[in-house]
Amino acid sequence: MRLKLKYIATFRYVTGKRSEELEVKDSFKLADLLDLLVKRYGEKFRELVFDKDGGLNEYSMVLVNGKVVNQEKLKLNLKDGDTVCFLPFVDGG
């Protein structure tokens, strides 16, 4: 199964990429993807995605096919061709 990953702003600096395609096994959950990316990109990536208690960081967003995911959606089964986007919240006025 093939996934498309997009990295915005801070995530781009941590990964060194704007995007990538990733081949994964079938029955791959969003939590599995996040674990794989933490192993690949290290502590900085983990800090962007997760809070100190292991929940999703409130200062970043993870979107699957354009829809924001929350803690319950970590069990979401990804499908071939899904696009997962990572971006920090932007605050301003």
N, C-alpha and C. Protein backbone atom coordinates (compact mmCIF):
# COMPACT_ATOMS: atom_id res chain seq x y z
N MET A 1 0.85 -1.16 0.00
CA MET A 1 0.00 0.00 0.00
C MET A 1 0.91 1.24 0.00
N ARG A 2 0.50 2.25 -0.74
CA ARG A 2 1.32 3.45 -0.90
C ARG A 2 0.59 4.65 -0.29
N LEU A 3 1.33 5.42 0.54
CA LEU A 3 0.80 6.63 1.16
C LEU A 3 1.58 7.84 0.67
N LYS A 4 0.90 8.98 0.59
CA LYS A 4 1.54 10.24 0.26
C LYS A 4 1.62 11.06 1.54
N LEU A 5 2.81 11.56 1.84
CA LEU A 5 3.02 12.36 3.05
C LEU A 5 3.45 13.76 2.65
N LYS A 6 2.87 14.75 3.32
CA LYS A 6 3.23 16.14 3.06
C LYS A 6 3.65 16.78 4.38
N TYR A 7 4.74 17.55 4.34
CA TYR A 7 5.27 18.21 5.53
C TYR A 7 5.27 19.72 5.31
N ILE A 8 4.66 20.44 6.24
CA ILE A 8 4.52 21.88 6.12
C ILE A 8 5.32 22.57 7.23
N ALA A 9 5.93 23.69 6.90
CA ALA A 9 6.64 24.57 7.84
C ALA A 9 7.66 23.80 8.68
N THR A 10 7.50 23.78 9.99
CA THR A 10 8.48 23.16 10.90
C THR A 10 8.71 21.70 10.56
N PHE A 11 7.66 21.00 10.17
CA PHE A 11 7.81 19.59 9.81
C PHE A 11 8.75 19.43 8.62
N ARG A 12 8.72 20.38 7.71
CA ARG A 12 9.61 20.34 6.54
C ARG A 12 11.07 20.45 6.97
N TYR A 13 11.33 21.30 7.95
CA TYR A 13 12.71 21.45 8.44
C TYR A 13 13.19 20.20 9.16
N VAL A 14 12.31 19.60 9.94
CA VAL A 14 12.69 18.40 10.71
C VAL A 14 12.95 17.21 9.79
N THR A 15 12.11 17.04 8.76
CA THR A 15 12.26 15.90 7.87
C THR A 15 13.23 16.16 6.72
N GLY A 16 13.42 17.44 6.39
CA GLY A 16 14.24 17.78 5.25
C GLY A 16 13.53 17.56 3.93
N LYS A 17 12.19 17.39 3.99
CA LYS A 17 11.42 17.10 2.78
C LYS A 17 10.11 17.89 2.78
N ARG A 18 9.65 18.19 1.59
CA ARG A 18 8.32 18.78 1.44
C ARG A 18 7.26 17.67 1.40
N SER A 19 7.64 16.56 0.80
CA SER A 19 6.71 15.44 0.67
C SER A 19 7.50 14.17 0.39
N GLU A 20 6.81 13.06 0.52
CA GLU A 20 7.40 11.78 0.15
C GLU A 20 6.28 10.77 -0.02
N GLU A 21 6.58 9.71 -0.72
CA GLU A 21 5.65 8.58 -0.83
C GLU A 21 6.28 7.43 -0.07
N LEU A 22 5.43 6.69 0.60
CA LEU A 22 5.90 5.64 1.49
C LEU A 22 5.13 4.36 1.20
N GLU A 23 5.85 3.30 1.02
CA GLU A 23 5.24 1.98 0.81
C GLU A 23 5.15 1.29 2.17
N VAL A 24 3.94 0.90 2.57
CA VAL A 24 3.72 0.24 3.86
C VAL A 24 2.87 -1.00 3.65
N LYS A 25 2.82 -1.84 4.68
CA LYS A 25 2.02 -3.06 4.60
C LYS A 25 0.53 -2.70 4.67
N ASP A 26 -0.30 -3.60 4.21
CA ASP A 26 -1.75 -3.43 4.36
C ASP A 26 -2.09 -3.47 5.84
N SER A 27 -3.27 -2.98 6.20
CA SER A 27 -3.71 -2.91 7.60
C SER A 27 -2.78 -2.04 8.43
N PHE A 28 -2.37 -0.93 7.87
CA PHE A 28 -1.47 0.02 8.53
C PHE A 28 -2.32 1.13 9.15
N LYS A 29 -2.20 1.33 10.44
CA LYS A 29 -2.96 2.35 11.14
C LYS A 29 -2.18 3.67 11.18
N LEU A 30 -2.90 4.75 11.43
CA LEU A 30 -2.24 6.05 11.54
C LEU A 30 -1.20 6.02 12.66
N ALA A 31 -1.52 5.38 13.78
CA ALA A 31 -0.55 5.27 14.88
C ALA A 31 0.72 4.56 14.42
N ASP A 32 0.59 3.54 13.57
CA ASP A 32 1.76 2.83 13.04
C ASP A 32 2.62 3.77 12.21
N LEU A 33 1.96 4.60 11.41
CA LEU A 33 2.69 5.56 10.57
C LEU A 33 3.45 6.56 11.44
N LEU A 34 2.79 7.08 12.47
CA LEU A 34 3.45 8.05 13.34
C LEU A 34 4.65 7.43 14.04
N ASP A 35 4.50 6.20 14.51
CA ASP A 35 5.63 5.50 15.14
C ASP A 35 6.79 5.34 14.17
N LEU A 36 6.48 4.96 12.93
CA LEU A 36 7.52 4.77 11.91
C LEU A 36 8.25 6.09 11.63
N LEU A 37 7.49 7.19 11.55
CA LEU A 37 8.10 8.49 11.25
C LEU A 37 8.93 9.01 12.42
N VAL A 38 8.51 8.72 13.64
CA VAL A 38 9.32 9.09 14.81
C VAL A 38 10.65 8.35 14.78
N LYS A 39 10.61 7.07 14.43
CA LYS A 39 11.85 6.29 14.33
C LYS A 39 12.75 6.84 13.23
N ARG A 40 12.15 7.27 12.14
CA ARG A 40 12.91 7.77 10.99
C ARG A 40 13.47 9.16 11.23
N TYR A 41 12.66 10.07 11.82
CA TYR A 41 13.06 11.47 11.92
C TYR A 41 13.42 11.92 13.33
N GLY A 42 13.25 11.06 14.32
CA GLY A 42 13.79 11.32 15.64
C GLY A 42 12.94 12.14 16.60
N GLU A 43 13.62 12.56 17.64
CA GLU A 43 12.99 13.23 18.78
C GLU A 43 12.27 14.53 18.39
N LYS A 44 12.84 15.30 17.51
CA LYS A 44 12.20 16.56 17.09
C LYS A 44 10.84 16.30 16.45
N PHE A 45 10.75 15.26 15.63
CA PHE A 45 9.48 14.91 15.01
C PHE A 45 8.48 14.48 16.08
N ARG A 46 8.94 13.66 17.03
CA ARG A 46 8.07 13.20 18.10
C ARG A 46 7.51 14.39 18.89
N GLU A 47 8.36 15.36 19.19
CA GLU A 47 7.93 16.53 19.95
C GLU A 47 6.90 17.36 19.18
N LEU A 48 6.98 17.37 17.87
CA LEU A 48 6.00 18.10 17.06
C LEU A 48 4.65 17.41 17.04
N VAL A 49 4.66 16.08 17.04
CA VAL A 49 3.42 15.32 16.89
C VAL A 49 2.77 14.99 18.24
N PHE A 50 3.58 14.63 19.24
CA PHE A 50 3.03 14.15 20.51
C PHE A 50 3.35 15.10 21.65
N ASP A 51 2.45 15.14 22.64
CA ASP A 51 2.73 15.88 23.87
C ASP A 51 3.51 14.98 24.83
N LYS A 52 3.85 15.47 25.99
CA LYS A 52 4.68 14.71 26.93
C LYS A 52 3.98 13.46 27.47
N ASP A 53 2.64 13.41 27.37
CA ASP A 53 1.89 12.25 27.84
C ASP A 53 1.61 11.24 26.73
N GLY A 54 2.11 11.51 25.54
CA GLY A 54 1.92 10.59 24.42
C GLY A 54 0.68 10.84 23.59
N GLY A 55 -0.09 11.86 23.95
CA GLY A 55 -1.25 12.24 23.14
C GLY A 55 -0.81 13.15 22.00
N LEU A 56 -1.72 13.43 21.10
CA LEU A 56 -1.38 14.33 20.00
C LEU A 56 -1.12 15.74 20.53
N ASN A 57 -0.09 16.36 20.03
CA ASN A 57 0.29 17.70 20.43
C ASN A 57 -0.77 18.70 19.97
N GLU A 58 -1.21 19.56 20.88
CA GLU A 58 -2.25 20.52 20.53
C GLU A 58 -1.75 21.66 19.64
N TYR A 59 -0.45 21.74 19.43
CA TYR A 59 0.12 22.81 18.62
C TYR A 59 0.44 22.38 17.19
N SER A 60 0.08 21.16 16.84
CA SER A 60 0.27 20.66 15.49
C SER A 60 -1.00 19.96 15.03
N MET A 61 -1.11 19.82 13.72
CA MET A 61 -2.25 19.11 13.16
C MET A 61 -1.76 17.99 12.25
N VAL A 62 -2.50 16.90 12.29
CA VAL A 62 -2.30 15.80 11.37
C VAL A 62 -3.61 15.68 10.60
N LEU A 63 -3.51 15.70 9.27
CA LEU A 63 -4.70 15.56 8.44
C LEU A 63 -4.57 14.31 7.58
N VAL A 64 -5.66 13.60 7.44
CA VAL A 64 -5.72 12.46 6.52
C VAL A 64 -6.75 12.81 5.46
N ASN A 65 -6.30 12.90 4.24
CA ASN A 65 -7.15 13.28 3.11
C ASN A 65 -7.89 14.59 3.39
N GLY A 66 -7.18 15.55 4.00
CA GLY A 66 -7.72 16.88 4.23
C GLY A 66 -8.57 17.03 5.48
N LYS A 67 -8.73 15.97 6.26
CA LYS A 67 -9.54 16.04 7.48
C LYS A 67 -8.64 15.91 8.71
N VAL A 68 -8.81 16.85 9.64
CA VAL A 68 -8.02 16.84 10.87
C VAL A 68 -8.36 15.61 11.69
N VAL A 69 -7.34 14.97 12.22
CA VAL A 69 -7.57 13.79 13.06
C VAL A 69 -7.36 14.17 14.53
N ASN A 70 -8.04 13.44 15.40
CA ASN A 70 -7.87 13.63 16.83
C ASN A 70 -7.35 12.34 17.44
N GLN A 71 -7.23 12.31 18.75
CA GLN A 71 -6.65 11.17 19.44
C GLN A 71 -7.33 9.85 19.08
N GLU A 72 -8.66 9.86 18.98
CA GLU A 72 -9.41 8.64 18.67
C GLU A 72 -9.10 8.12 17.26
N LYS A 73 -8.72 9.00 16.38
CA LYS A 73 -8.45 8.62 14.99
C LYS A 73 -7.09 7.97 14.79
N LEU A 74 -6.28 7.86 15.86
CA LEU A 74 -4.99 7.20 15.73
C LEU A 74 -5.16 5.73 15.34
N LYS A 75 -6.33 5.16 15.62
CA LYS A 75 -6.61 3.76 15.28
C LYS A 75 -7.13 3.61 13.86
N LEU A 76 -7.25 4.73 13.15
CA LEU A 76 -7.75 4.74 11.79
C LEU A 76 -6.89 3.87 10.87
N ASN A 77 -7.53 2.98 10.14
CA ASN A 77 -6.82 2.18 9.14
C ASN A 77 -6.61 3.04 7.90
N LEU A 78 -5.37 3.20 7.50
CA LEU A 78 -5.06 3.96 6.29
C LEU A 78 -5.32 3.09 5.07
N LYS A 79 -5.61 3.75 3.95
CA LYS A 79 -5.89 3.05 2.70
C LYS A 79 -4.89 3.45 1.63
N ASP A 80 -4.73 2.59 0.65
CA ASP A 80 -3.85 2.88 -0.46
C ASP A 80 -4.22 4.21 -1.09
N GLY A 81 -3.23 5.08 -1.26
CA GLY A 81 -3.45 6.38 -1.89
C GLY A 81 -3.80 7.50 -0.93
N ASP A 82 -3.95 7.20 0.37
CA ASP A 82 -4.25 8.25 1.34
C ASP A 82 -3.12 9.27 1.38
N THR A 83 -3.50 10.51 1.66
CA THR A 83 -2.53 11.59 1.85
C THR A 83 -2.58 12.02 3.30
N VAL A 84 -1.42 12.01 3.94
CA VAL A 84 -1.31 12.44 5.34
C VAL A 84 -0.44 13.69 5.35
N CYS A 85 -0.98 14.73 5.96
CA CYS A 85 -0.29 16.02 5.98
C CYS A 85 -0.01 16.41 7.43
N PHE A 86 1.18 16.95 7.65
CA PHE A 86 1.61 17.38 8.98
C PHE A 86 1.90 18.87 8.94
N LEU A 87 1.26 19.64 9.85
CA LEU A 87 1.53 21.05 9.90
C LEU A 87 1.32 21.61 11.30
N PRO A 88 2.13 22.62 11.66
CA PRO A 88 1.95 23.27 12.96
C PRO A 88 0.83 24.29 12.86
N PHE A 89 0.19 24.58 14.00
CA PHE A 89 -0.77 25.66 14.03
C PHE A 89 -0.03 26.96 13.81
N VAL A 90 -0.66 27.86 13.11
CA VAL A 90 -0.08 29.19 12.89
C VAL A 90 -0.99 30.17 13.62
N ASP A 91 -0.39 31.01 14.45
CA ASP A 91 -1.15 31.98 15.22
C ASP A 91 -0.74 33.36 14.79
N GLY A 92 -1.65 34.24 14.77
CA GLY A 92 -1.29 35.60 14.39
C GLY A 92 -2.50 36.51 14.43
N GLY A 93 -2.28 37.71 14.03
CA GLY A 93 -3.40 38.64 14.11
C GLY A 93 -3.31 39.71 13.08
